[in-house]
Amino acid sequence: MFNRRNGMFWLELLIVVVAGVWTLFHIRWAMIGNTTDDYWGIALLILFALSLILAFVHFARERSALRATATNESFPEPSISRFFLASIGSSALWFVVRMNVGAQWFLAGWEKVTSPAWGTSGKALTGFVAGALAKTSGTNPSVQGWYAWFLQYVVLLPGVPGLFLVLSWRVCGWIGLDRWLLPALGLPWKPGALFRNQETMTPETKTSVPR
């Protein structure tokens, strides 16, 4: 994917740099109390659209190879989901999404830490949602199922973008420290290089003591 002779590489690099720098500026802008619009949201939306177009270009090039790798599987994954959730060709797209979700999480946490009034309002919101969800059960529920779904999976969870980042864990961190940390640390079902090296270390040869 990242062939420097390819013009797409430089365009993707530009998208990543602009998204990263603008997000850092946005975080700093909000932390010092500026309320004027820094156009961060619209900028990331434009960068997301550009990276999505480039991702589909990569997908068109890799589609045949993705199909070929799935021929021996009992339940093959669709090539488009395999690409967007497991191919580095979509990594620039996920970087933009991570900038959006990460900045919102960080600033939300910063607001909670710096605002003494948040504790009361946060507990009130959680109590309201919990009460509404409790009314969805029983023979005559007073809260509709679609509204309960919205409260549970949109209000209580970090949002749909965060959910997609979870699904794309194999590739969303390709541009970032995850690219080196994940192979080193590994997964619960597959130890990383750091732990594999420890497992393959041979114990010191015991020397027999002559009698």
N, C-alpha and C. Protein backbone atom coordinates (compact mmCIF):
# COMPACT_ATOMS: atom_id res chain seq x y z
N MET A 1 0.81 -1.20 0.00
CA MET A 1 0.00 0.00 0.00
C MET A 1 0.85 1.25 0.00
N PHE A 2 1.77 1.34 0.97
CA PHE A 2 2.52 2.57 1.15
C PHE A 2 3.76 2.57 0.25
N ASN A 3 3.52 2.63 -1.03
CA ASN A 3 4.59 2.74 -2.00
C ASN A 3 4.83 4.23 -2.27
N ARG A 4 6.00 4.71 -1.92
CA ARG A 4 6.26 6.14 -2.01
C ARG A 4 6.28 6.65 -3.44
N ARG A 5 6.42 5.75 -4.39
CA ARG A 5 6.38 6.16 -5.77
C ARG A 5 4.95 6.32 -6.27
N ASN A 6 4.02 5.86 -5.49
CA ASN A 6 2.62 5.97 -5.85
C ASN A 6 2.09 7.31 -5.37
N GLY A 7 1.38 8.03 -6.26
CA GLY A 7 0.85 9.33 -5.89
C GLY A 7 -0.14 9.25 -4.76
N MET A 8 -0.83 8.11 -4.61
CA MET A 8 -1.79 7.96 -3.53
C MET A 8 -1.12 7.99 -2.16
N PHE A 9 0.12 7.53 -2.09
CA PHE A 9 0.83 7.55 -0.82
C PHE A 9 0.95 8.98 -0.29
N TRP A 10 1.34 9.89 -1.13
CA TRP A 10 1.53 11.27 -0.70
C TRP A 10 0.21 11.93 -0.34
N LEU A 11 -0.86 11.58 -1.05
CA LEU A 11 -2.16 12.14 -0.70
C LEU A 11 -2.64 11.60 0.63
N GLU A 12 -2.45 10.31 0.86
CA GLU A 12 -2.81 9.73 2.15
C GLU A 12 -1.96 10.28 3.28
N LEU A 13 -0.68 10.49 3.01
CA LEU A 13 0.20 11.09 4.01
C LEU A 13 -0.26 12.49 4.36
N LEU A 14 -0.68 13.25 3.36
CA LEU A 14 -1.18 14.61 3.60
C LEU A 14 -2.44 14.57 4.45
N ILE A 15 -3.34 13.64 4.16
CA ILE A 15 -4.57 13.50 4.95
C ILE A 15 -4.25 13.18 6.40
N VAL A 16 -3.32 12.26 6.61
CA VAL A 16 -2.96 11.85 7.97
C VAL A 16 -2.33 13.01 8.74
N VAL A 17 -1.42 13.73 8.09
CA VAL A 17 -0.73 14.85 8.76
C VAL A 17 -1.72 15.95 9.11
N VAL A 18 -2.57 16.32 8.15
CA VAL A 18 -3.54 17.39 8.41
C VAL A 18 -4.51 16.98 9.51
N ALA A 19 -5.01 15.74 9.46
CA ALA A 19 -5.94 15.28 10.49
C ALA A 19 -5.28 15.28 11.87
N GLY A 20 -4.04 14.81 11.95
CA GLY A 20 -3.36 14.76 13.23
C GLY A 20 -3.04 16.12 13.79
N VAL A 21 -2.49 17.01 12.97
CA VAL A 21 -2.12 18.35 13.43
C VAL A 21 -3.35 19.16 13.81
N TRP A 22 -4.38 19.09 12.96
CA TRP A 22 -5.60 19.85 13.24
C TRP A 22 -6.28 19.35 14.51
N THR A 23 -6.24 18.04 14.76
CA THR A 23 -6.84 17.49 15.97
C THR A 23 -6.09 17.96 17.21
N LEU A 24 -4.76 17.96 17.16
CA LEU A 24 -3.98 18.47 18.30
C LEU A 24 -4.29 19.94 18.55
N PHE A 25 -4.41 20.71 17.48
CA PHE A 25 -4.77 22.13 17.62
C PHE A 25 -6.16 22.27 18.22
N HIS A 26 -7.09 21.44 17.78
CA HIS A 26 -8.46 21.49 18.29
C HIS A 26 -8.50 21.17 19.79
N ILE A 27 -7.74 20.17 20.20
CA ILE A 27 -7.71 19.81 21.62
C ILE A 27 -7.15 20.96 22.45
N ARG A 28 -6.05 21.53 21.98
CA ARG A 28 -5.46 22.67 22.69
C ARG A 28 -6.41 23.86 22.69
N TRP A 29 -7.07 24.09 21.59
CA TRP A 29 -8.02 25.20 21.44
C TRP A 29 -9.16 25.07 22.46
N ALA A 30 -9.66 23.86 22.64
CA ALA A 30 -10.76 23.64 23.58
C ALA A 30 -10.29 23.67 25.03
N MET A 31 -9.08 23.20 25.29
CA MET A 31 -8.58 23.15 26.66
C MET A 31 -8.34 24.52 27.25
N ILE A 32 -7.99 25.49 26.41
CA ILE A 32 -7.74 26.84 26.93
C ILE A 32 -9.01 27.68 26.97
N GLY A 33 -10.13 27.08 26.63
CA GLY A 33 -11.41 27.75 26.81
C GLY A 33 -11.95 28.51 25.63
N ASN A 34 -11.37 28.36 24.45
CA ASN A 34 -11.90 29.06 23.28
C ASN A 34 -13.21 28.42 22.85
N THR A 35 -14.20 29.25 22.60
CA THR A 35 -15.53 28.77 22.20
C THR A 35 -15.82 29.02 20.72
N THR A 36 -14.98 29.77 20.05
CA THR A 36 -15.20 30.01 18.63
C THR A 36 -14.88 28.75 17.83
N ASP A 37 -15.52 28.61 16.69
CA ASP A 37 -15.38 27.42 15.87
C ASP A 37 -14.01 27.40 15.20
N ASP A 38 -13.29 26.29 15.37
CA ASP A 38 -12.00 26.13 14.69
C ASP A 38 -12.13 25.26 13.44
N TYR A 39 -13.36 24.93 13.06
CA TYR A 39 -13.68 24.17 11.84
C TYR A 39 -13.04 22.79 11.84
N TRP A 40 -12.79 22.26 13.03
CA TRP A 40 -12.20 20.93 13.12
C TRP A 40 -13.16 19.85 12.62
N GLY A 41 -14.43 19.98 12.98
CA GLY A 41 -15.41 18.98 12.59
C GLY A 41 -15.59 18.89 11.09
N ILE A 42 -15.75 20.04 10.42
CA ILE A 42 -15.92 20.02 8.97
C ILE A 42 -14.65 19.59 8.27
N ALA A 43 -13.50 19.94 8.87
CA ALA A 43 -12.23 19.52 8.26
C ALA A 43 -12.09 18.01 8.29
N LEU A 44 -12.40 17.39 9.43
CA LEU A 44 -12.31 15.93 9.51
C LEU A 44 -13.34 15.26 8.61
N LEU A 45 -14.50 15.88 8.45
CA LEU A 45 -15.50 15.31 7.56
C LEU A 45 -15.00 15.29 6.12
N ILE A 46 -14.35 16.37 5.70
CA ILE A 46 -13.79 16.42 4.34
C ILE A 46 -12.66 15.40 4.19
N LEU A 47 -11.79 15.33 5.20
CA LEU A 47 -10.70 14.37 5.15
C LEU A 47 -11.22 12.94 5.16
N PHE A 48 -12.30 12.70 5.90
CA PHE A 48 -12.90 11.37 5.91
C PHE A 48 -13.43 11.00 4.52
N ALA A 49 -14.07 11.96 3.86
CA ALA A 49 -14.60 11.70 2.52
C ALA A 49 -13.47 11.40 1.55
N LEU A 50 -12.38 12.16 1.62
CA LEU A 50 -11.24 11.92 0.73
C LEU A 50 -10.60 10.57 1.00
N SER A 51 -10.41 10.25 2.28
CA SER A 51 -9.80 8.96 2.61
C SER A 51 -10.71 7.80 2.25
N LEU A 52 -12.02 8.00 2.30
CA LEU A 52 -12.96 6.95 1.91
C LEU A 52 -12.86 6.68 0.41
N ILE A 53 -12.72 7.74 -0.38
CA ILE A 53 -12.55 7.57 -1.82
C ILE A 53 -11.27 6.80 -2.12
N LEU A 54 -10.18 7.17 -1.46
CA LEU A 54 -8.91 6.48 -1.66
C LEU A 54 -9.00 5.02 -1.21
N ALA A 55 -9.76 4.78 -0.13
CA ALA A 55 -9.91 3.40 0.35
C ALA A 55 -10.63 2.54 -0.69
N PHE A 56 -11.63 3.10 -1.34
CA PHE A 56 -12.34 2.34 -2.37
C PHE A 56 -11.45 2.10 -3.59
N VAL A 57 -10.55 3.03 -3.87
CA VAL A 57 -9.59 2.80 -4.95
C VAL A 57 -8.69 1.61 -4.60
N HIS A 58 -8.21 1.58 -3.36
CA HIS A 58 -7.41 0.44 -2.90
C HIS A 58 -8.21 -0.85 -2.95
N PHE A 59 -9.47 -0.77 -2.55
CA PHE A 59 -10.32 -1.96 -2.55
C PHE A 59 -10.49 -2.51 -3.96
N ALA A 60 -10.67 -1.63 -4.93
CA ALA A 60 -10.81 -2.08 -6.31
C ALA A 60 -9.56 -2.82 -6.78
N ARG A 61 -8.39 -2.39 -6.31
CA ARG A 61 -7.14 -3.04 -6.70
C ARG A 61 -6.92 -4.36 -5.97
N GLU A 62 -7.40 -4.46 -4.74
CA GLU A 62 -7.13 -5.64 -3.92
C GLU A 62 -8.27 -6.65 -3.91
N ARG A 63 -9.35 -6.33 -4.59
CA ARG A 63 -10.55 -7.17 -4.48
C ARG A 63 -10.31 -8.60 -4.92
N SER A 64 -9.65 -8.78 -6.03
CA SER A 64 -9.41 -10.14 -6.53
C SER A 64 -8.52 -10.94 -5.57
N ALA A 65 -7.51 -10.29 -5.00
CA ALA A 65 -6.63 -10.98 -4.05
C ALA A 65 -7.38 -11.33 -2.77
N LEU A 66 -8.26 -10.45 -2.33
CA LEU A 66 -9.04 -10.73 -1.13
C LEU A 66 -9.98 -11.91 -1.34
N ARG A 67 -10.56 -11.98 -2.53
CA ARG A 67 -11.43 -13.11 -2.83
C ARG A 67 -10.64 -14.42 -2.87
N ALA A 68 -9.44 -14.36 -3.40
CA ALA A 68 -8.63 -15.57 -3.53
C ALA A 68 -8.24 -16.13 -2.17
N THR A 69 -7.97 -15.27 -1.22
CA THR A 69 -7.56 -15.73 0.11
C THR A 69 -8.70 -16.33 0.90
N ALA A 70 -9.94 -16.09 0.47
CA ALA A 70 -11.09 -16.58 1.21
C ALA A 70 -11.68 -17.86 0.63
N THR A 71 -11.06 -18.40 -0.41
CA THR A 71 -11.64 -19.57 -1.08
C THR A 71 -11.59 -20.82 -0.22
N ASN A 72 -10.63 -20.94 0.67
CA ASN A 72 -10.47 -22.16 1.48
C ASN A 72 -11.20 -22.09 2.80
N GLU A 73 -11.92 -21.01 3.06
CA GLU A 73 -12.62 -20.85 4.33
C GLU A 73 -14.02 -21.44 4.25
N SER A 74 -14.47 -22.04 5.34
CA SER A 74 -15.81 -22.61 5.37
C SER A 74 -16.88 -21.53 5.30
N PHE A 75 -16.66 -20.45 6.00
CA PHE A 75 -17.58 -19.33 6.00
C PHE A 75 -16.79 -18.07 5.64
N PRO A 76 -16.56 -17.85 4.35
CA PRO A 76 -15.69 -16.74 3.93
C PRO A 76 -16.29 -15.38 4.26
N GLU A 77 -15.43 -14.50 4.69
CA GLU A 77 -15.83 -13.13 4.97
C GLU A 77 -15.94 -12.35 3.66
N PRO A 78 -16.96 -11.52 3.49
CA PRO A 78 -17.05 -10.73 2.26
C PRO A 78 -15.79 -9.90 2.04
N SER A 79 -15.41 -9.77 0.79
CA SER A 79 -14.16 -9.09 0.48
C SER A 79 -14.17 -7.64 0.94
N ILE A 80 -15.32 -6.98 0.90
CA ILE A 80 -15.36 -5.56 1.28
C ILE A 80 -15.17 -5.40 2.79
N SER A 81 -15.76 -6.30 3.59
CA SER A 81 -15.53 -6.21 5.03
C SER A 81 -14.12 -6.64 5.39
N ARG A 82 -13.59 -7.63 4.67
CA ARG A 82 -12.21 -8.04 4.90
C ARG A 82 -11.26 -6.88 4.63
N PHE A 83 -11.57 -6.10 3.59
CA PHE A 83 -10.71 -4.96 3.26
C PHE A 83 -10.80 -3.88 4.32
N PHE A 84 -12.01 -3.45 4.65
CA PHE A 84 -12.14 -2.31 5.56
C PHE A 84 -11.83 -2.66 7.00
N LEU A 85 -11.90 -3.92 7.37
CA LEU A 85 -11.65 -4.30 8.76
C LEU A 85 -10.32 -4.98 8.97
N ALA A 86 -9.59 -5.30 7.88
CA ALA A 86 -8.35 -6.05 8.08
C ALA A 86 -7.25 -5.71 7.08
N SER A 87 -7.47 -4.77 6.17
CA SER A 87 -6.44 -4.44 5.18
C SER A 87 -5.87 -3.06 5.46
N ILE A 88 -4.55 -2.94 5.32
CA ILE A 88 -3.90 -1.66 5.59
C ILE A 88 -4.27 -0.62 4.55
N GLY A 89 -4.92 -1.02 3.48
CA GLY A 89 -5.37 -0.05 2.49
C GLY A 89 -6.41 0.91 3.03
N SER A 90 -7.07 0.53 4.14
CA SER A 90 -8.07 1.41 4.76
C SER A 90 -7.54 2.12 6.00
N SER A 91 -6.25 2.04 6.26
CA SER A 91 -5.70 2.57 7.51
C SER A 91 -5.80 4.10 7.60
N ALA A 92 -5.65 4.80 6.48
CA ALA A 92 -5.78 6.26 6.51
C ALA A 92 -7.19 6.67 6.89
N LEU A 93 -8.17 5.93 6.40
CA LEU A 93 -9.56 6.20 6.75
C LEU A 93 -9.78 6.05 8.25
N TRP A 94 -9.28 4.96 8.81
CA TRP A 94 -9.47 4.72 10.24
C TRP A 94 -8.69 5.71 11.09
N PHE A 95 -7.57 6.22 10.58
CA PHE A 95 -6.83 7.23 11.33
C PHE A 95 -7.68 8.48 11.53
N VAL A 96 -8.38 8.89 10.49
CA VAL A 96 -9.25 10.07 10.61
C VAL A 96 -10.36 9.80 11.63
N VAL A 97 -10.94 8.61 11.59
CA VAL A 97 -11.98 8.26 12.55
C VAL A 97 -11.43 8.26 13.97
N ARG A 98 -10.22 7.75 14.14
CA ARG A 98 -9.60 7.73 15.48
C ARG A 98 -9.34 9.13 16.00
N MET A 99 -8.97 10.03 15.12
CA MET A 99 -8.76 11.41 15.54
C MET A 99 -10.06 12.01 16.07
N ASN A 100 -11.16 11.70 15.41
CA ASN A 100 -12.45 12.23 15.84
C ASN A 100 -12.87 11.64 17.18
N VAL A 101 -12.85 10.32 17.28
CA VAL A 101 -13.28 9.66 18.51
C VAL A 101 -12.33 9.97 19.66
N GLY A 102 -11.03 9.93 19.38
CA GLY A 102 -10.05 10.19 20.44
C GLY A 102 -10.16 11.59 21.01
N ALA A 103 -10.31 12.58 20.13
CA ALA A 103 -10.43 13.96 20.61
C ALA A 103 -11.69 14.16 21.42
N GLN A 104 -12.80 13.57 20.97
CA GLN A 104 -14.04 13.72 21.72
C GLN A 104 -13.95 13.05 23.09
N TRP A 105 -13.35 11.88 23.14
CA TRP A 105 -13.18 11.20 24.42
C TRP A 105 -12.29 12.01 25.36
N PHE A 106 -11.18 12.50 24.82
CA PHE A 106 -10.24 13.25 25.66
C PHE A 106 -10.88 14.52 26.20
N LEU A 107 -11.56 15.27 25.34
CA LEU A 107 -12.16 16.53 25.77
C LEU A 107 -13.33 16.29 26.71
N ALA A 108 -14.06 15.18 26.50
CA ALA A 108 -15.14 14.85 27.44
C ALA A 108 -14.57 14.52 28.82
N GLY A 109 -13.47 13.78 28.84
CA GLY A 109 -12.81 13.50 30.11
C GLY A 109 -12.24 14.74 30.77
N TRP A 110 -11.67 15.61 29.95
CA TRP A 110 -11.12 16.86 30.47
C TRP A 110 -12.22 17.71 31.10
N GLU A 111 -13.38 17.73 30.46
CA GLU A 111 -14.50 18.50 31.01
C GLU A 111 -14.97 17.92 32.33
N LYS A 112 -14.96 16.59 32.42
CA LYS A 112 -15.39 15.96 33.67
C LYS A 112 -14.42 16.26 34.80
N VAL A 113 -13.12 16.31 34.48
CA VAL A 113 -12.11 16.56 35.50
C VAL A 113 -12.13 18.01 35.97
N THR A 114 -12.33 18.92 35.05
CA THR A 114 -12.23 20.34 35.37
C THR A 114 -13.54 20.97 35.79
N SER A 115 -14.67 20.32 35.57
CA SER A 115 -15.97 20.91 35.92
C SER A 115 -16.53 20.25 37.18
N PRO A 116 -16.63 20.99 38.28
CA PRO A 116 -17.17 20.40 39.50
C PRO A 116 -18.65 20.08 39.40
N ALA A 117 -19.35 20.73 38.47
CA ALA A 117 -20.79 20.51 38.34
C ALA A 117 -21.12 19.27 37.53
N TRP A 118 -20.10 18.66 36.90
CA TRP A 118 -20.41 17.53 36.03
C TRP A 118 -20.91 16.33 36.80
N GLY A 119 -20.37 16.14 38.01
CA GLY A 119 -20.74 14.94 38.76
C GLY A 119 -22.24 14.80 38.93
N THR A 120 -22.92 15.92 39.26
CA THR A 120 -24.37 15.86 39.45
C THR A 120 -25.08 15.60 38.14
N SER A 121 -24.70 16.32 37.07
CA SER A 121 -25.38 16.16 35.79
C SER A 121 -25.10 14.80 35.19
N GLY A 122 -23.87 14.29 35.38
CA GLY A 122 -23.55 12.97 34.84
C GLY A 122 -24.37 11.89 35.51
N LYS A 123 -24.51 11.96 36.83
CA LYS A 123 -25.32 10.98 37.53
C LYS A 123 -26.78 11.08 37.15
N ALA A 124 -27.24 12.32 36.89
CA ALA A 124 -28.63 12.48 36.50
C ALA A 124 -28.90 11.85 35.14
N LEU A 125 -27.98 12.04 34.20
CA LEU A 125 -28.15 11.44 32.87
C LEU A 125 -28.13 9.92 32.95
N THR A 126 -27.19 9.37 33.72
CA THR A 126 -27.12 7.92 33.86
C THR A 126 -28.37 7.37 34.51
N GLY A 127 -28.88 8.08 35.51
CA GLY A 127 -30.10 7.64 36.17
C GLY A 127 -31.30 7.68 35.25
N PHE A 128 -31.37 8.71 34.42
CA PHE A 128 -32.48 8.82 33.46
C PHE A 128 -32.46 7.66 32.47
N VAL A 129 -31.27 7.37 31.93
CA VAL A 129 -31.16 6.29 30.95
C VAL A 129 -31.49 4.95 31.59
N ALA A 130 -30.96 4.72 32.80
CA ALA A 130 -31.23 3.45 33.48
C ALA A 130 -32.71 3.29 33.77
N GLY A 131 -33.37 4.37 34.16
CA GLY A 131 -34.81 4.30 34.43
C GLY A 131 -35.61 4.02 33.17
N ALA A 132 -35.21 4.63 32.06
CA ALA A 132 -35.91 4.39 30.80
C ALA A 132 -35.74 2.96 30.33
N LEU A 133 -34.53 2.41 30.49
CA LEU A 133 -34.30 1.02 30.08
C LEU A 133 -35.09 0.05 30.93
N ALA A 134 -35.30 0.39 32.20
CA ALA A 134 -36.07 -0.50 33.07
C ALA A 134 -37.53 -0.57 32.66
N LYS A 135 -38.02 0.46 31.97
CA LYS A 135 -39.42 0.50 31.56
C LYS A 135 -39.68 -0.22 30.24
N THR A 136 -38.63 -0.83 29.65
CA THR A 136 -38.82 -1.54 28.38
C THR A 136 -39.26 -2.98 28.59
N SER A 137 -39.19 -3.48 29.81
CA SER A 137 -39.56 -4.86 30.08
C SER A 137 -40.96 -4.93 30.65
N GLY A 138 -41.45 -6.13 30.79
CA GLY A 138 -42.79 -6.33 31.32
C GLY A 138 -43.82 -6.56 30.24
N THR A 139 -45.06 -6.80 30.66
CA THR A 139 -46.13 -7.07 29.70
C THR A 139 -46.57 -5.82 28.95
N ASN A 140 -46.52 -4.67 29.60
CA ASN A 140 -46.93 -3.41 28.97
C ASN A 140 -45.81 -2.38 29.11
N PRO A 141 -44.75 -2.52 28.32
CA PRO A 141 -43.64 -1.57 28.45
C PRO A 141 -44.05 -0.18 28.00
N SER A 142 -43.61 0.82 28.75
CA SER A 142 -43.94 2.22 28.43
C SER A 142 -42.89 2.87 27.55
N VAL A 143 -41.77 2.18 27.30
CA VAL A 143 -40.70 2.71 26.44
C VAL A 143 -40.55 1.78 25.25
N GLN A 144 -40.58 2.35 24.05
CA GLN A 144 -40.48 1.56 22.83
C GLN A 144 -39.09 0.93 22.69
N GLY A 145 -39.06 -0.22 21.99
CA GLY A 145 -37.80 -0.94 21.84
C GLY A 145 -36.76 -0.17 21.07
N TRP A 146 -37.17 0.58 20.02
CA TRP A 146 -36.18 1.32 19.23
C TRP A 146 -35.54 2.42 20.06
N TYR A 147 -36.33 3.04 20.96
CA TYR A 147 -35.78 4.09 21.79
C TYR A 147 -34.82 3.51 22.82
N ALA A 148 -35.14 2.32 23.32
CA ALA A 148 -34.24 1.65 24.26
C ALA A 148 -32.93 1.32 23.58
N TRP A 149 -33.00 0.86 22.32
CA TRP A 149 -31.77 0.57 21.56
C TRP A 149 -30.93 1.82 21.41
N PHE A 150 -31.58 2.94 21.12
CA PHE A 150 -30.85 4.20 20.95
C PHE A 150 -30.16 4.61 22.25
N LEU A 151 -30.86 4.48 23.37
CA LEU A 151 -30.27 4.86 24.66
C LEU A 151 -29.10 3.96 25.02
N GLN A 152 -29.26 2.67 24.76
CA GLN A 152 -28.24 1.72 25.20
C GLN A 152 -27.00 1.75 24.32
N TYR A 153 -27.18 1.86 23.00
CA TYR A 153 -26.05 1.71 22.10
C TYR A 153 -25.54 3.02 21.52
N VAL A 154 -26.24 4.12 21.74
CA VAL A 154 -25.76 5.41 21.25
C VAL A 154 -25.44 6.35 22.41
N VAL A 155 -26.34 6.42 23.40
CA VAL A 155 -26.12 7.33 24.52
C VAL A 155 -25.12 6.76 25.51
N LEU A 156 -25.30 5.49 25.90
CA LEU A 156 -24.42 4.90 26.90
C LEU A 156 -23.09 4.47 26.33
N LEU A 157 -23.04 4.05 25.09
CA LEU A 157 -21.78 3.66 24.45
C LEU A 157 -21.14 4.87 23.79
N PRO A 158 -19.85 4.77 23.42
CA PRO A 158 -19.16 5.92 22.85
C PRO A 158 -19.64 6.31 21.46
N GLY A 159 -20.68 5.66 20.86
CA GLY A 159 -21.19 6.06 19.56
C GLY A 159 -20.86 5.01 18.49
N VAL A 160 -21.47 5.13 17.35
CA VAL A 160 -21.27 4.19 16.24
C VAL A 160 -19.85 4.20 15.72
N PRO A 161 -19.14 5.42 15.56
CA PRO A 161 -17.72 5.41 15.14
C PRO A 161 -16.84 4.60 16.06
N GLY A 162 -17.07 4.70 17.39
CA GLY A 162 -16.29 3.91 18.34
C GLY A 162 -16.51 2.43 18.16
N LEU A 163 -17.74 2.04 17.83
CA LEU A 163 -18.04 0.63 17.60
C LEU A 163 -17.29 0.12 16.37
N PHE A 164 -17.23 0.90 15.31
CA PHE A 164 -16.51 0.49 14.11
C PHE A 164 -15.01 0.38 14.38
N LEU A 165 -14.48 1.23 15.24
CA LEU A 165 -13.07 1.13 15.59
C LEU A 165 -12.79 -0.18 16.31
N VAL A 166 -13.72 -0.63 17.14
CA VAL A 166 -13.56 -1.91 17.81
C VAL A 166 -13.53 -3.04 16.80
N LEU A 167 -14.42 -2.98 15.81
CA LEU A 167 -14.48 -4.04 14.80
C LEU A 167 -13.24 -4.04 13.91
N SER A 168 -12.64 -2.88 13.71
CA SER A 168 -11.47 -2.78 12.82
C SER A 168 -10.16 -2.80 13.58
N TRP A 169 -10.11 -3.48 14.72
CA TRP A 169 -8.94 -3.45 15.60
C TRP A 169 -7.69 -3.95 14.90
N ARG A 170 -7.82 -4.81 13.88
CA ARG A 170 -6.65 -5.38 13.22
C ARG A 170 -5.90 -4.37 12.38
N VAL A 171 -6.57 -3.30 11.95
CA VAL A 171 -5.94 -2.37 11.01
C VAL A 171 -6.06 -0.92 11.43
N CYS A 172 -6.98 -0.58 12.32
CA CYS A 172 -7.20 0.84 12.63
C CYS A 172 -5.99 1.48 13.29
N GLY A 173 -5.12 0.67 13.90
CA GLY A 173 -3.94 1.22 14.53
C GLY A 173 -2.68 1.11 13.70
N TRP A 174 -2.82 0.80 12.41
CA TRP A 174 -1.65 0.67 11.56
C TRP A 174 -0.85 1.97 11.52
N ILE A 175 -1.54 3.10 11.48
CA ILE A 175 -0.87 4.40 11.55
C ILE A 175 -0.92 4.84 13.01
N GLY A 176 0.11 4.52 13.74
CA GLY A 176 0.14 4.84 15.16
C GLY A 176 1.04 3.87 15.90
N LEU A 177 1.09 4.02 17.22
CA LEU A 177 1.94 3.15 18.03
C LEU A 177 1.44 1.72 18.04
N ASP A 178 0.15 1.52 17.77
CA ASP A 178 -0.40 0.17 17.75
C ASP A 178 0.31 -0.72 16.74
N ARG A 179 0.83 -0.10 15.70
CA ARG A 179 1.49 -0.87 14.65
C ARG A 179 2.66 -1.68 15.19
N TRP A 180 3.31 -1.19 16.24
CA TRP A 180 4.44 -1.90 16.84
C TRP A 180 4.04 -2.57 18.16
N LEU A 181 3.11 -1.95 18.90
CA LEU A 181 2.74 -2.51 20.19
C LEU A 181 1.95 -3.80 20.05
N LEU A 182 1.01 -3.86 19.11
CA LEU A 182 0.18 -5.06 18.97
C LEU A 182 0.99 -6.29 18.59
N PRO A 183 1.89 -6.22 17.59
CA PRO A 183 2.70 -7.42 17.32
C PRO A 183 3.63 -7.79 18.47
N ALA A 184 4.07 -6.78 19.24
CA ALA A 184 4.98 -7.08 20.35
C ALA A 184 4.24 -7.70 21.52
N LEU A 185 3.07 -7.17 21.87
CA LEU A 185 2.32 -7.67 23.03
C LEU A 185 1.46 -8.87 22.67
N GLY A 186 0.92 -8.87 21.44
CA GLY A 186 0.11 -10.00 21.00
C GLY A 186 -1.32 -9.93 21.48
N LEU A 187 -2.00 -11.07 21.38
CA LEU A 187 -3.40 -11.21 21.73
C LEU A 187 -3.56 -12.31 22.77
N PRO A 188 -4.72 -12.38 23.45
CA PRO A 188 -4.90 -13.45 24.45
C PRO A 188 -4.73 -14.84 23.85
N TRP A 189 -5.11 -15.01 22.57
CA TRP A 189 -5.01 -16.33 21.94
C TRP A 189 -3.75 -16.48 21.07
N LYS A 190 -2.93 -15.42 20.99
CA LYS A 190 -1.70 -15.50 20.21
C LYS A 190 -0.67 -14.56 20.82
N PRO A 191 0.29 -15.08 21.55
CA PRO A 191 1.30 -14.21 22.19
C PRO A 191 2.10 -13.43 21.16
N GLY A 192 2.49 -12.22 21.54
CA GLY A 192 3.29 -11.40 20.66
C GLY A 192 4.75 -11.79 20.69
N ALA A 193 5.54 -11.05 19.91
CA ALA A 193 6.96 -11.37 19.79
C ALA A 193 7.67 -11.30 21.14
N LEU A 194 7.26 -10.38 21.99
CA LEU A 194 7.89 -10.22 23.29
C LEU A 194 7.72 -11.46 24.15
N PHE A 195 6.51 -12.01 24.16
CA PHE A 195 6.24 -13.18 25.00
C PHE A 195 6.68 -14.46 24.32
N ARG A 196 6.67 -14.50 22.99
CA ARG A 196 7.16 -15.68 22.30
C ARG A 196 8.65 -15.87 22.55
N ASN A 197 9.39 -14.77 22.59
CA ASN A 197 10.82 -14.86 22.86
C ASN A 197 11.08 -15.41 24.26
N GLN A 198 10.21 -15.02 25.20
CA GLN A 198 10.37 -15.53 26.57
C GLN A 198 10.05 -17.01 26.65
N GLU A 199 9.05 -17.45 25.85
CA GLU A 199 8.65 -18.85 25.89
C GLU A 199 9.69 -19.75 25.24
N THR A 200 10.38 -19.24 24.23
CA THR A 200 11.34 -20.08 23.50
C THR A 200 12.73 -20.05 24.11
N MET A 201 12.93 -19.26 25.16
CA MET A 201 14.24 -19.23 25.81
C MET A 201 14.50 -20.57 26.50
N THR A 202 15.63 -21.15 26.23
CA THR A 202 15.97 -22.44 26.82
C THR A 202 16.57 -22.23 28.19
N PRO A 203 16.20 -23.06 29.16
CA PRO A 203 16.78 -22.91 30.51
C PRO A 203 18.26 -23.24 30.49
N GLU A 204 18.93 -22.69 31.46
CA GLU A 204 20.35 -22.94 31.55
C GLU A 204 20.63 -24.44 31.82
N THR A 205 21.63 -24.93 31.16
CA THR A 205 21.99 -26.34 31.32
C THR A 205 22.50 -26.59 32.74
N LYS A 206 21.87 -27.57 33.35
CA LYS A 206 22.29 -27.88 34.72
C LYS A 206 23.55 -28.72 34.70
N THR A 207 24.50 -28.34 35.48
CA THR A 207 25.76 -29.09 35.58
C THR A 207 25.68 -30.07 36.72
N SER A 208 26.08 -31.25 36.47
CA SER A 208 26.07 -32.27 37.52
C SER A 208 27.27 -32.13 38.42
N VAL A 209 27.04 -32.27 39.68
CA VAL A 209 28.11 -32.15 40.66
C VAL A 209 28.74 -33.52 40.88
N PRO A 210 30.03 -33.66 40.64
CA PRO A 210 30.65 -34.98 40.81
C PRO A 210 30.63 -35.43 42.26
N ARG A 211 30.39 -36.69 42.45
CA ARG A 211 30.33 -37.24 43.82
C ARG A 211 31.72 -37.58 44.30
